[in-house]
Amino acid sequence: MANLEFEPARALAEEIVQDSAKKSSRPMLGTQLKLALTARAAESGRPFDEKQLGFGSFAHFVSRCPGLVLARRPGGGDFLVMPKGKASLHRLAVTRQRDRIRREFWFAFLSFPQSGIRRVYDGIGDRIIYEEDTKLVGSNPIIEPFSKEEQLRWRKEFVATLESEPKEQIERALGAGNPFREFALTVRRRPQLYQAWNAIVFDKVRSAVEKWAKENSVPEEYWLESDSLGVGARSDREEIYELLDRLPLERILDLRIPLRWLLEARKSPKGETKEGG
C-alpha cells in the first residue's frame, strides 16, 4: 500500500493540530500528533511513515509543515506542536511545559472513588482530607474523583486510535480480569504509546483540576508546581519524578520503597545502594 504523500500528510497534520487547539488551550505533544496522524491516514487507506517521505524523524517532518510551530522542551524528550500564529499557545509551551500537578491533587482526582469516603480540600491547612461522607458537609470544596468506569472509557478511546497490531493486543488486555493493570503493562512495553497515554491522562486531569479550582477560587499556585530549573539542570526531585512517571498508577499506590534508596539505586552503575544492598 502506497505511503501517504507529503502534501496530504502535511494538510492532515495541520488539520489535526488546528482541531486540537480549538478544543484545548494547550499545545499538542508530538507523540499525540503522530498517533492521530497515523490513525487518520490508515482510515484513508494510505499509511503514514515520515521515513518513507525522506525525513529522519517525525519532528523533522513537523518542522517542514508551514502551518505548524514546533517547540523543544527543556531537558529533551517529546516536543510540543501548535498552529502557527497562536501566540498564546506558544507562551504556554515556553512557560508551562515543566508544570506538574501537585501529587495530592493528582491522586485525589485520579485514584478510584472509595465507598463511604469523601475528598475535600482544606484551604487553610493547604491539604486534601479524606473523610467519612456521613460527616456534615462544611465549607471546604469537595473533590469528585474520576470513576473507574470513566477511566476505563479513556483507555478504550485511546485504543480506538491505534493501528491493528498494538490495538488488538491492548484490547485483549482491557478484556482481562484486571484491565487497568494489564493495560499499563502492555502499553509500557511501547515507549511511544506509553508517553502518548501519559500525556492524555495528564491533559484530562489538569483540565478537571483547573475547572474545579476556578469554580472554588483555589489559586493556580496551590495545585500546580512549576520546575524553575534551567535547561539541562536536573535535581534529585526531578529524577524521582522521572522514575515515578515510568510506573503505572496501580504500582505507585502500592509503593513502599524509601525515595532516598530509590534515588541512590538510580545513580548507582549497577543499581546497588551505597550499602551494596
C-alpha atoms as a PDB file:
ATOM      1  CA  MET A   1       0.000   0.000   0.000  1.00  0.00           C
ATOM      2  CA  ALA A   2       1.456   3.358  -1.058  1.00  0.00           C
ATOM      3  CA  ASN A   3       2.571   5.714   1.697  1.00  0.00           C
ATOM      4  CA  LEU A   4       0.708   8.997   2.142  1.00  0.00           C
ATOM      5  CA  GLU A   5       2.498  11.705   0.174  1.00  0.00           C
ATOM      6  CA  PHE A   6       3.886  14.807   1.857  1.00  0.00           C
ATOM      7  CA  GLU A   7       1.259  17.352   0.795  1.00  0.00           C
ATOM      8  CA  PRO A   8      -1.803  15.423   2.037  1.00  0.00           C
ATOM      9  CA  ALA A   9       0.154  14.362   5.149  1.00  0.00           C
ATOM     10  CA  ARG A  10       1.067  17.985   5.836  1.00  0.00           C
ATOM     11  CA  ALA A  11      -2.531  19.146   5.369  1.00  0.00           C
ATOM     12  CA  LEU A  12      -3.822  16.371   7.636  1.00  0.00           C
ATOM     13  CA  ALA A  13      -1.261  17.151  10.367  1.00  0.00           C
ATOM     14  CA  GLU A  14      -2.169  20.841  10.316  1.00  0.00           C
ATOM     15  CA  GLU A  15      -5.886  19.998  10.442  1.00  0.00           C
ATOM     16  CA  ILE A  16      -5.379  17.737  13.476  1.00  0.00           C
ATOM     17  CA  VAL A  17      -3.394  20.392  15.362  1.00  0.00           C
ATOM     18  CA  GLN A  18      -5.929  23.100  14.483  1.00  0.00           C
ATOM     19  CA  ASP A  19      -8.780  20.919  15.772  1.00  0.00           C
ATOM     20  CA  SER A  20      -6.837  20.219  18.975  1.00  0.00           C
ATOM     21  CA  ALA A  21      -6.222  23.963  19.519  1.00  0.00           C
ATOM     22  CA  LYS A  22      -9.967  24.634  19.257  1.00  0.00           C
ATOM     23  CA  LYS A  23     -10.715  22.076  21.974  1.00  0.00           C
ATOM     24  CA  SER A  24      -7.791  22.731  24.325  1.00  0.00           C
ATOM     25  CA  SER A  25      -5.845  25.785  25.452  1.00  0.00           C
ATOM     26  CA  ARG A  26      -2.599  23.800  25.495  1.00  0.00           C
ATOM     27  CA  PRO A  27      -0.110  22.753  22.801  1.00  0.00           C
ATOM     28  CA  MET A  28      -0.201  19.214  21.425  1.00  0.00           C
ATOM     29  CA  LEU A  29       2.531  16.681  22.144  1.00  0.00           C
ATOM     30  CA  GLY A  30       4.432  15.313  19.179  1.00  0.00           C
ATOM     31  CA  THR A  31       3.553  11.727  20.155  1.00  0.00           C
ATOM     32  CA  GLN A  32      -0.135  12.642  20.305  1.00  0.00           C
ATOM     33  CA  LEU A  33       0.036  14.193  16.846  1.00  0.00           C
ATOM     34  CA  LYS A  34       1.842  11.212  15.341  1.00  0.00           C
ATOM     35  CA  LEU A  35      -0.684   8.745  16.785  1.00  0.00           C
ATOM     36  CA  ALA A  36      -3.610  10.800  15.489  1.00  0.00           C
ATOM     37  CA  LEU A  37      -1.991  11.340  12.091  1.00  0.00           C
ATOM     38  CA  THR A  38      -1.146   7.643  11.716  1.00  0.00           C
ATOM     39  CA  ALA A  39      -4.702   6.635  12.639  1.00  0.00           C
ATOM     40  CA  ARG A  40      -6.338   9.176  10.297  1.00  0.00           C
ATOM     41  CA  ALA A  41      -4.029   8.193   7.434  1.00  0.00           C
ATOM     42  CA  ALA A  42      -4.828   4.499   7.953  1.00  0.00           C
ATOM     43  CA  GLU A  43      -8.548   5.312   7.815  1.00  0.00           C
ATOM     44  CA  SER A  44      -7.996   6.894   4.404  1.00  0.00           C
ATOM     45  CA  GLY A  45      -6.279   3.745   3.167  1.00  0.00           C
ATOM     46  CA  ARG A  46      -2.839   5.384   2.878  1.00  0.00           C
ATOM     47  CA  PRO A  47      -0.432   4.618   5.749  1.00  0.00           C
ATOM     48  CA  PHE A  48       1.834   7.366   7.049  1.00  0.00           C
ATOM     49  CA  ASP A  49       5.554   6.897   7.679  1.00  0.00           C
ATOM     50  CA  GLU A  50       7.721  10.014   7.752  1.00  0.00           C
ATOM     51  CA  LYS A  51      10.810   7.980   6.839  1.00  0.00           C
ATOM     52  CA  GLN A  52       9.169   6.955   3.570  1.00  0.00           C
ATOM     53  CA  LEU A  53       8.935  10.683   2.804  1.00  0.00           C
ATOM     54  CA  GLY A  54      12.667  11.156   3.395  1.00  0.00           C
ATOM     55  CA  PHE A  55      12.517  12.573   6.938  1.00  0.00           C
ATOM     56  CA  GLY A  56      14.842  11.234   9.605  1.00  0.00           C
ATOM     57  CA  SER A  57      12.336  11.825  12.389  1.00  0.00           C
ATOM     58  CA  PHE A  58       8.749  12.891  12.968  1.00  0.00           C
ATOM     59  CA  ALA A  59       9.993  16.192  14.407  1.00  0.00           C
ATOM     60  CA  HIS A  60      11.786  16.833  11.104  1.00  0.00           C
ATOM     61  CA  PHE A  61       8.516  16.253   9.242  1.00  0.00           C
ATOM     62  CA  VAL A  62       6.614  18.633  11.554  1.00  0.00           C
ATOM     63  CA  SER A  63       9.280  21.306  11.120  1.00  0.00           C
ATOM     64  CA  ARG A  64       8.564  21.268   7.372  1.00  0.00           C
ATOM     65  CA  CYS A  65       4.830  21.908   7.838  1.00  0.00           C
ATOM     66  CA  PRO A  66       4.398  25.669   7.240  1.00  0.00           C
ATOM     67  CA  GLY A  67       1.215  25.876   9.331  1.00  0.00           C
ATOM     68  CA  LEU A  68       2.785  24.360  12.439  1.00  0.00           C
ATOM     69  CA  VAL A  69       5.243  25.554  15.084  1.00  0.00           C
ATOM     70  CA  LEU A  70       7.465  23.071  16.903  1.00  0.00           C
ATOM     71  CA  ALA A  71       8.795  23.859  20.388  1.00  0.00           C
ATOM     72  CA  ARG A  72      11.505  21.814  22.063  1.00  0.00           C
ATOM     73  CA  ARG A  73      11.105  21.002  25.752  1.00  0.00           C
ATOM     74  CA  PRO A  74      13.874  21.735  28.285  1.00  0.00           C
ATOM     75  CA  GLY A  75      15.956  18.645  29.021  1.00  0.00           C
ATOM     76  CA  GLY A  76      14.889  16.873  25.825  1.00  0.00           C
ATOM     77  CA  GLY A  77      12.046  14.384  25.498  1.00  0.00           C
ATOM     78  CA  ASP A  78       8.902  14.883  23.452  1.00  0.00           C
ATOM     79  CA  PHE A  79       8.294  18.171  21.636  1.00  0.00           C
ATOM     80  CA  LEU A  80       5.240  20.409  21.521  1.00  0.00           C
ATOM     81  CA  VAL A  81       3.251  21.385  18.425  1.00  0.00           C
ATOM     82  CA  MET A  82       0.870  24.298  17.918  1.00  0.00           C
ATOM     83  CA  PRO A  83      -0.718  26.109  14.977  1.00  0.00           C
ATOM     84  CA  LYS A  84       1.322  28.938  13.518  1.00  0.00           C
ATOM     85  CA  GLY A  85       0.094  32.302  14.765  1.00  0.00           C
ATOM     86  CA  LYS A  86      -1.229  31.006  18.092  1.00  0.00           C
ATOM     87  CA  ALA A  87       0.930  33.222  20.302  1.00  0.00           C
ATOM     88  CA  SER A  88      -0.929  32.240  23.470  1.00  0.00           C
ATOM     89  CA  LEU A  89      -0.189  28.555  22.890  1.00  0.00           C
ATOM     90  CA  HIS A  90       3.442  29.338  22.210  1.00  0.00           C
ATOM     91  CA  ARG A  91       3.701  31.163  25.531  1.00  0.00           C
ATOM     92  CA  LEU A  92       2.212  28.117  27.247  1.00  0.00           C
ATOM     93  CA  ALA A  93       4.763  25.906  25.531  1.00  0.00           C
ATOM     94  CA  VAL A  94       7.575  28.058  26.896  1.00  0.00           C
ATOM     95  CA  THR A  95       6.291  28.812  30.400  1.00  0.00           C
ATOM     96  CA  ARG A  96       4.282  25.727  31.369  1.00  0.00           C
ATOM     97  CA  GLN A  97       5.966  22.790  29.751  1.00  0.00           C
ATOM     98  CA  ARG A  98       7.594  21.798  33.055  1.00  0.00           C
ATOM     99  CA  ASP A  99       4.473  22.279  35.179  1.00  0.00           C
ATOM    100  CA  ARG A 100       3.321  19.431  37.383  1.00  0.00           C
ATOM    101  CA  ILE A 101       0.103  18.892  39.235  1.00  0.00           C
ATOM    102  CA  ARG A 102       0.758  18.528  42.948  1.00  0.00           C
ATOM    103  CA  ARG A 103       0.780  14.862  43.940  1.00  0.00           C
ATOM    104  CA  GLU A 104      -2.001  15.369  46.484  1.00  0.00           C
ATOM    105  CA  PHE A 105      -4.338  16.759  43.828  1.00  0.00           C
ATOM    106  CA  TRP A 106      -3.250  14.222  41.221  1.00  0.00           C
ATOM    107  CA  PHE A 107      -4.173  11.260  43.423  1.00  0.00           C
ATOM    108  CA  ALA A 108      -7.310  12.894  44.785  1.00  0.00           C
ATOM    109  CA  PHE A 109      -8.717  13.244  41.273  1.00  0.00           C
ATOM    110  CA  LEU A 110      -7.281  10.104  39.679  1.00  0.00           C
ATOM    111  CA  SER A 111      -7.367   7.396  42.364  1.00  0.00           C
ATOM    112  CA  PHE A 112     -10.635   5.469  42.276  1.00  0.00           C
ATOM    113  CA  PRO A 113     -13.541   6.599  44.490  1.00  0.00           C
ATOM    114  CA  GLN A 114     -13.892   4.762  47.797  1.00  0.00           C
ATOM    115  CA  SER A 115     -17.283   3.858  49.169  1.00  0.00           C
ATOM    116  CA  GLY A 116     -18.196   6.000  52.173  1.00  0.00           C
ATOM    117  CA  ILE A 117     -15.237   8.352  51.745  1.00  0.00           C
ATOM    118  CA  ARG A 118     -15.437  11.984  50.674  1.00  0.00           C
ATOM    119  CA  ARG A 119     -12.472  14.073  49.488  1.00  0.00           C
ATOM    120  CA  VAL A 120     -12.323  17.752  50.386  1.00  0.00           C
ATOM    121  CA  TYR A 121      -9.702  20.456  50.104  1.00  0.00           C
ATOM    122  CA  ASP A 122      -8.800  22.303  53.296  1.00  0.00           C
ATOM    123  CA  GLY A 123      -7.653  25.712  52.070  1.00  0.00           C
ATOM    124  CA  ILE A 124      -6.425  26.843  55.488  1.00  0.00           C
ATOM    125  CA  GLY A 125      -4.184  23.823  56.004  1.00  0.00           C
ATOM    126  CA  ASP A 126      -3.497  23.526  52.262  1.00  0.00           C
ATOM    127  CA  ARG A 127      -4.200  19.803  52.308  1.00  0.00           C
ATOM    128  CA  ILE A 128      -6.677  17.271  50.971  1.00  0.00           C
ATOM    129  CA  ILE A 129      -8.731  15.439  53.558  1.00  0.00           C
ATOM    130  CA  TYR A 130     -10.320  12.014  53.128  1.00  0.00           C
ATOM    131  CA  GLU A 131     -13.284  11.883  55.492  1.00  0.00           C
ATOM    132  CA  GLU A 132     -16.389   9.784  56.050  1.00  0.00           C
ATOM    133  CA  ASP A 133     -19.239  11.009  53.898  1.00  0.00           C
ATOM    134  CA  THR A 134     -21.594  10.796  56.876  1.00  0.00           C
ATOM    135  CA  LYS A 135     -19.948  13.908  58.325  1.00  0.00           C
ATOM    136  CA  LEU A 136     -21.685  17.240  57.897  1.00  0.00           C
ATOM    137  CA  VAL A 137     -20.501  18.964  54.720  1.00  0.00           C
ATOM    138  CA  GLY A 138     -18.603  22.133  55.637  1.00  0.00           C
ATOM    139  CA  SER A 139     -17.260  24.991  53.553  1.00  0.00           C
ATOM    140  CA  ASN A 140     -14.303  23.039  52.167  1.00  0.00           C
ATOM    141  CA  PRO A 141     -14.757  22.316  48.427  1.00  0.00           C
ATOM    142  CA  ILE A 142     -15.482  18.696  47.560  1.00  0.00           C
ATOM    143  CA  ILE A 143     -13.332  16.845  45.031  1.00  0.00           C
ATOM    144  CA  GLU A 144     -15.140  14.383  42.767  1.00  0.00           C
ATOM    145  CA  PRO A 145     -12.596  11.823  41.509  1.00  0.00           C
ATOM    146  CA  PHE A 146     -12.807  10.195  38.104  1.00  0.00           C
ATOM    147  CA  SER A 147     -14.772   6.963  38.315  1.00  0.00           C
ATOM    148  CA  LYS A 148     -13.309   3.588  37.390  1.00  0.00           C
ATOM    149  CA  GLU A 149     -15.797   3.374  34.504  1.00  0.00           C
ATOM    150  CA  GLU A 150     -14.727   6.753  33.124  1.00  0.00           C
ATOM    151  CA  GLN A 151     -11.044   5.867  33.304  1.00  0.00           C
ATOM    152  CA  LEU A 152     -11.730   2.580  31.538  1.00  0.00           C
ATOM    153  CA  ARG A 153     -13.534   4.553  28.808  1.00  0.00           C
ATOM    154  CA  TRP A 154     -10.422   6.738  28.363  1.00  0.00           C
ATOM    155  CA  ARG A 155      -8.399   3.623  27.674  1.00  0.00           C
ATOM    156  CA  LYS A 156     -10.898   2.284  25.168  1.00  0.00           C
ATOM    157  CA  GLU A 157     -10.965   5.625  23.344  1.00  0.00           C
ATOM    158  CA  PHE A 158      -7.159   5.621  23.263  1.00  0.00           C
ATOM    159  CA  VAL A 159      -7.054   2.096  21.845  1.00  0.00           C
ATOM    160  CA  ALA A 160      -9.540   3.069  19.135  1.00  0.00           C
ATOM    161  CA  THR A 161      -6.926   5.461  17.669  1.00  0.00           C
ATOM    162  CA  LEU A 162      -4.266   2.762  17.303  1.00  0.00           C
ATOM    163  CA  GLU A 163      -3.261   0.555  14.398  1.00  0.00           C
ATOM    164  CA  SER A 164      -4.072  -3.158  14.201  1.00  0.00           C
ATOM    165  CA  GLU A 165      -1.094  -4.865  15.900  1.00  0.00           C
ATOM    166  CA  PRO A 166      -0.864  -2.918  19.176  1.00  0.00           C
ATOM    167  CA  LYS A 167      -4.607  -2.280  19.077  1.00  0.00           C
ATOM    168  CA  GLU A 168      -5.513  -5.978  19.182  1.00  0.00           C
ATOM    169  CA  GLN A 169      -3.064  -6.720  21.982  1.00  0.00           C
ATOM    170  CA  ILE A 170      -4.201  -3.808  24.129  1.00  0.00           C
ATOM    171  CA  GLU A 171      -7.864  -4.643  23.511  1.00  0.00           C
ATOM    172  CA  ARG A 172      -7.154  -8.127  24.905  1.00  0.00           C
ATOM    173  CA  ALA A 173      -5.523  -6.501  27.939  1.00  0.00           C
ATOM    174  CA  LEU A 174      -8.652  -4.416  28.533  1.00  0.00           C
ATOM    175  CA  GLY A 175     -10.714  -7.596  28.462  1.00  0.00           C
ATOM    176  CA  ALA A 176      -8.600  -9.242  31.176  1.00  0.00           C
ATOM    177  CA  GLY A 177      -9.621  -9.758  34.780  1.00  0.00           C
ATOM    178  CA  ASN A 178      -7.608  -6.709  35.875  1.00  0.00           C
ATOM    179  CA  PRO A 179      -7.843  -4.420  32.817  1.00  0.00           C
ATOM    180  CA  PHE A 180      -6.059  -1.455  34.412  1.00  0.00           C
ATOM    181  CA  ARG A 181      -3.013  -3.500  35.370  1.00  0.00           C
ATOM    182  CA  GLU A 182      -2.856  -5.372  32.060  1.00  0.00           C
ATOM    183  CA  PHE A 183      -3.333  -2.170  30.062  1.00  0.00           C
ATOM    184  CA  ALA A 184      -0.481  -0.479  31.937  1.00  0.00           C
ATOM    185  CA  LEU A 185       1.876  -3.436  31.471  1.00  0.00           C
ATOM    186  CA  THR A 186       1.072  -3.724  27.761  1.00  0.00           C
ATOM    187  CA  VAL A 187       1.399  -0.011  26.963  1.00  0.00           C
ATOM    188  CA  ARG A 188       4.640   0.336  28.915  1.00  0.00           C
ATOM    189  CA  ARG A 189       6.326  -2.095  26.534  1.00  0.00           C
ATOM    190  CA  ARG A 190       5.908   0.529  23.804  1.00  0.00           C
ATOM    191  CA  PRO A 191       7.615   3.766  24.993  1.00  0.00           C
ATOM    192  CA  GLN A 192       5.999   5.964  22.342  1.00  0.00           C
ATOM    193  CA  LEU A 193       2.492   4.749  23.185  1.00  0.00           C
ATOM    194  CA  TYR A 194       3.225   4.989  26.906  1.00  0.00           C
ATOM    195  CA  GLN A 195       4.348   8.600  26.557  1.00  0.00           C
ATOM    196  CA  ALA A 196       1.282   9.466  24.493  1.00  0.00           C
ATOM    197  CA  TRP A 197      -1.024   7.782  27.015  1.00  0.00           C
ATOM    198  CA  ASN A 198       0.558   9.634  29.939  1.00  0.00           C
ATOM    199  CA  ALA A 199       0.102  12.918  28.063  1.00  0.00           C
ATOM    200  CA  ILE A 200      -3.590  12.160  27.529  1.00  0.00           C
ATOM    201  CA  VAL A 201      -4.130  11.364  31.209  1.00  0.00           C
ATOM    202  CA  PHE A 202      -2.259  14.486  32.283  1.00  0.00           C
ATOM    203  CA  ASP A 203      -4.402  16.622  29.973  1.00  0.00           C
ATOM    204  CA  LYS A 204      -7.629  15.147  31.362  1.00  0.00           C
ATOM    205  CA  VAL A 205      -6.568  15.506  34.994  1.00  0.00           C
ATOM    206  CA  ARG A 206      -5.238  19.023  34.518  1.00  0.00           C
ATOM    207  CA  SER A 207      -8.456  20.136  32.776  1.00  0.00           C
ATOM    208  CA  ALA A 208     -10.543  18.739  35.632  1.00  0.00           C
ATOM    209  CA  VAL A 209      -8.387  20.273  38.369  1.00  0.00           C
ATOM    210  CA  GLU A 210      -8.274  23.609  36.545  1.00  0.00           C
ATOM    211  CA  LYS A 211     -12.079  23.697  36.219  1.00  0.00           C
ATOM    212  CA  TRP A 212     -12.555  22.670  39.869  1.00  0.00           C
ATOM    213  CA  ALA A 213     -10.032  25.292  41.051  1.00  0.00           C
ATOM    214  CA  LYS A 214     -11.765  28.112  39.152  1.00  0.00           C
ATOM    215  CA  GLU A 215     -15.175  27.101  40.477  1.00  0.00           C
ATOM    216  CA  ASN A 216     -13.857  27.047  44.038  1.00  0.00           C
ATOM    217  CA  SER A 217     -11.477  30.049  43.841  1.00  0.00           C
ATOM    218  CA  VAL A 218      -8.376  27.948  44.505  1.00  0.00           C
ATOM    219  CA  PRO A 219      -5.305  29.804  43.116  1.00  0.00           C
ATOM    220  CA  GLU A 220      -3.246  28.013  40.488  1.00  0.00           C
ATOM    221  CA  GLU A 221      -0.111  28.087  42.611  1.00  0.00           C
ATOM    222  CA  TYR A 222      -1.864  25.910  45.200  1.00  0.00           C
ATOM    223  CA  TRP A 223      -2.414  22.930  42.879  1.00  0.00           C
ATOM    224  CA  LEU A 224       0.287  23.417  40.242  1.00  0.00           C
ATOM    225  CA  GLU A 225       4.010  23.052  40.716  1.00  0.00           C
ATOM    226  CA  SER A 226       6.443  24.630  38.274  1.00  0.00           C
ATOM    227  CA  ASP A 227      10.028  23.431  37.943  1.00  0.00           C
ATOM    228  CA  SER A 228      12.179  26.544  37.522  1.00  0.00           C
ATOM    229  CA  LEU A 229      15.415  24.692  36.757  1.00  0.00           C
ATOM    230  CA  GLY A 230      17.411  25.858  33.772  1.00  0.00           C
ATOM    231  CA  VAL A 231      17.708  23.830  30.589  1.00  0.00           C
ATOM    232  CA  GLY A 232      19.665  20.653  31.200  1.00  0.00           C
ATOM    233  CA  ALA A 233      19.732  21.046  35.002  1.00  0.00           C
ATOM    234  CA  ARG A 234      18.428  18.062  36.938  1.00  0.00           C
ATOM    235  CA  SER A 235      17.607  17.871  40.637  1.00  0.00           C
ATOM    236  CA  ASP A 236      17.026  14.866  42.885  1.00  0.00           C
ATOM    237  CA  ARG A 237      13.355  15.835  42.909  1.00  0.00           C
ATOM    238  CA  GLU A 238      13.232  15.754  39.095  1.00  0.00           C
ATOM    239  CA  GLU A 239      14.912  12.342  38.947  1.00  0.00           C
ATOM    240  CA  ILE A 240      12.400  10.957  41.448  1.00  0.00           C
ATOM    241  CA  TYR A 241       9.546  12.342  39.366  1.00  0.00           C
ATOM    242  CA  GLU A 242      11.052  10.792  36.250  1.00  0.00           C
ATOM    243  CA  LEU A 243      11.214   7.381  37.932  1.00  0.00           C
ATOM    244  CA  LEU A 244       7.652   7.631  39.195  1.00  0.00           C
ATOM    245  CA  ASP A 245       6.438   8.737  35.766  1.00  0.00           C
ATOM    246  CA  ARG A 246       7.506   5.348  34.430  1.00  0.00           C
ATOM    247  CA  LEU A 247       5.340   3.437  36.885  1.00  0.00           C
ATOM    248  CA  PRO A 248       1.645   2.757  36.305  1.00  0.00           C
ATOM    249  CA  LEU A 249      -0.668   4.290  38.890  1.00  0.00           C
ATOM    250  CA  GLU A 250      -1.529   0.877  40.303  1.00  0.00           C
ATOM    251  CA  ARG A 251       2.140   0.227  41.116  1.00  0.00           C
ATOM    252  CA  ILE A 252       2.736   3.691  42.597  1.00  0.00           C
ATOM    253  CA  LEU A 253      -0.191   3.298  45.015  1.00  0.00           C
ATOM    254  CA  ASP A 254       1.497   0.164  46.424  1.00  0.00           C
ATOM    255  CA  LEU A 255       4.996   1.685  46.548  1.00  0.00           C
ATOM    256  CA  ARG A 256       6.717   1.292  49.917  1.00  0.00           C
ATOM    257  CA  ILE A 257      10.348   1.957  48.896  1.00  0.00           C
ATOM    258  CA  PRO A 258      12.070   4.911  50.665  1.00  0.00           C
ATOM    259  CA  LEU A 259      12.689   7.549  47.996  1.00  0.00           C
ATOM    260  CA  ARG A 260      16.284   8.126  49.180  1.00  0.00           C
ATOM    261  CA  TRP A 261      17.067   4.459  48.489  1.00  0.00           C
ATOM    262  CA  LEU A 262      15.284   4.694  45.142  1.00  0.00           C
ATOM    263  CA  LEU A 263      17.361   7.693  44.083  1.00  0.00           C
ATOM    264  CA  GLU A 264      20.648   6.088  45.184  1.00  0.00           C
ATOM    265  CA  ALA A 265      19.754   2.926  43.278  1.00  0.00           C
ATOM    266  CA  ARG A 266      19.130   5.074  40.191  1.00  0.00           C
ATOM    267  CA  LYS A 267      22.547   6.728  40.445  1.00  0.00           C
ATOM    268  CA  SER A 268      24.473   3.508  41.141  1.00  0.00           C
ATOM    269  CA  PRO A 269      26.038   1.985  37.973  1.00  0.00           C
ATOM    270  CA  LYS A 270      24.568  -1.447  38.745  1.00  0.00           C
ATOM    271  CA  GLY A 271      21.501  -0.315  40.637  1.00  0.00           C
ATOM    272  CA  GLU A 272      23.197  -1.012  44.001  1.00  0.00           C
ATOM    273  CA  THR A 273      22.858   1.262  47.018  1.00  0.00           C
ATOM    274  CA  LYS A 274      25.867   2.610  48.871  1.00  0.00           C
ATOM    275  CA  GLU A 275      25.453  -0.216  51.377  1.00  0.00           C
ATOM    276  CA  GLY A 276      25.577  -2.677  48.482  1.00  0.00           C
ATOM    277  CA  GLY A 277      22.018  -3.939  49.178  1.00  0.00           C
END
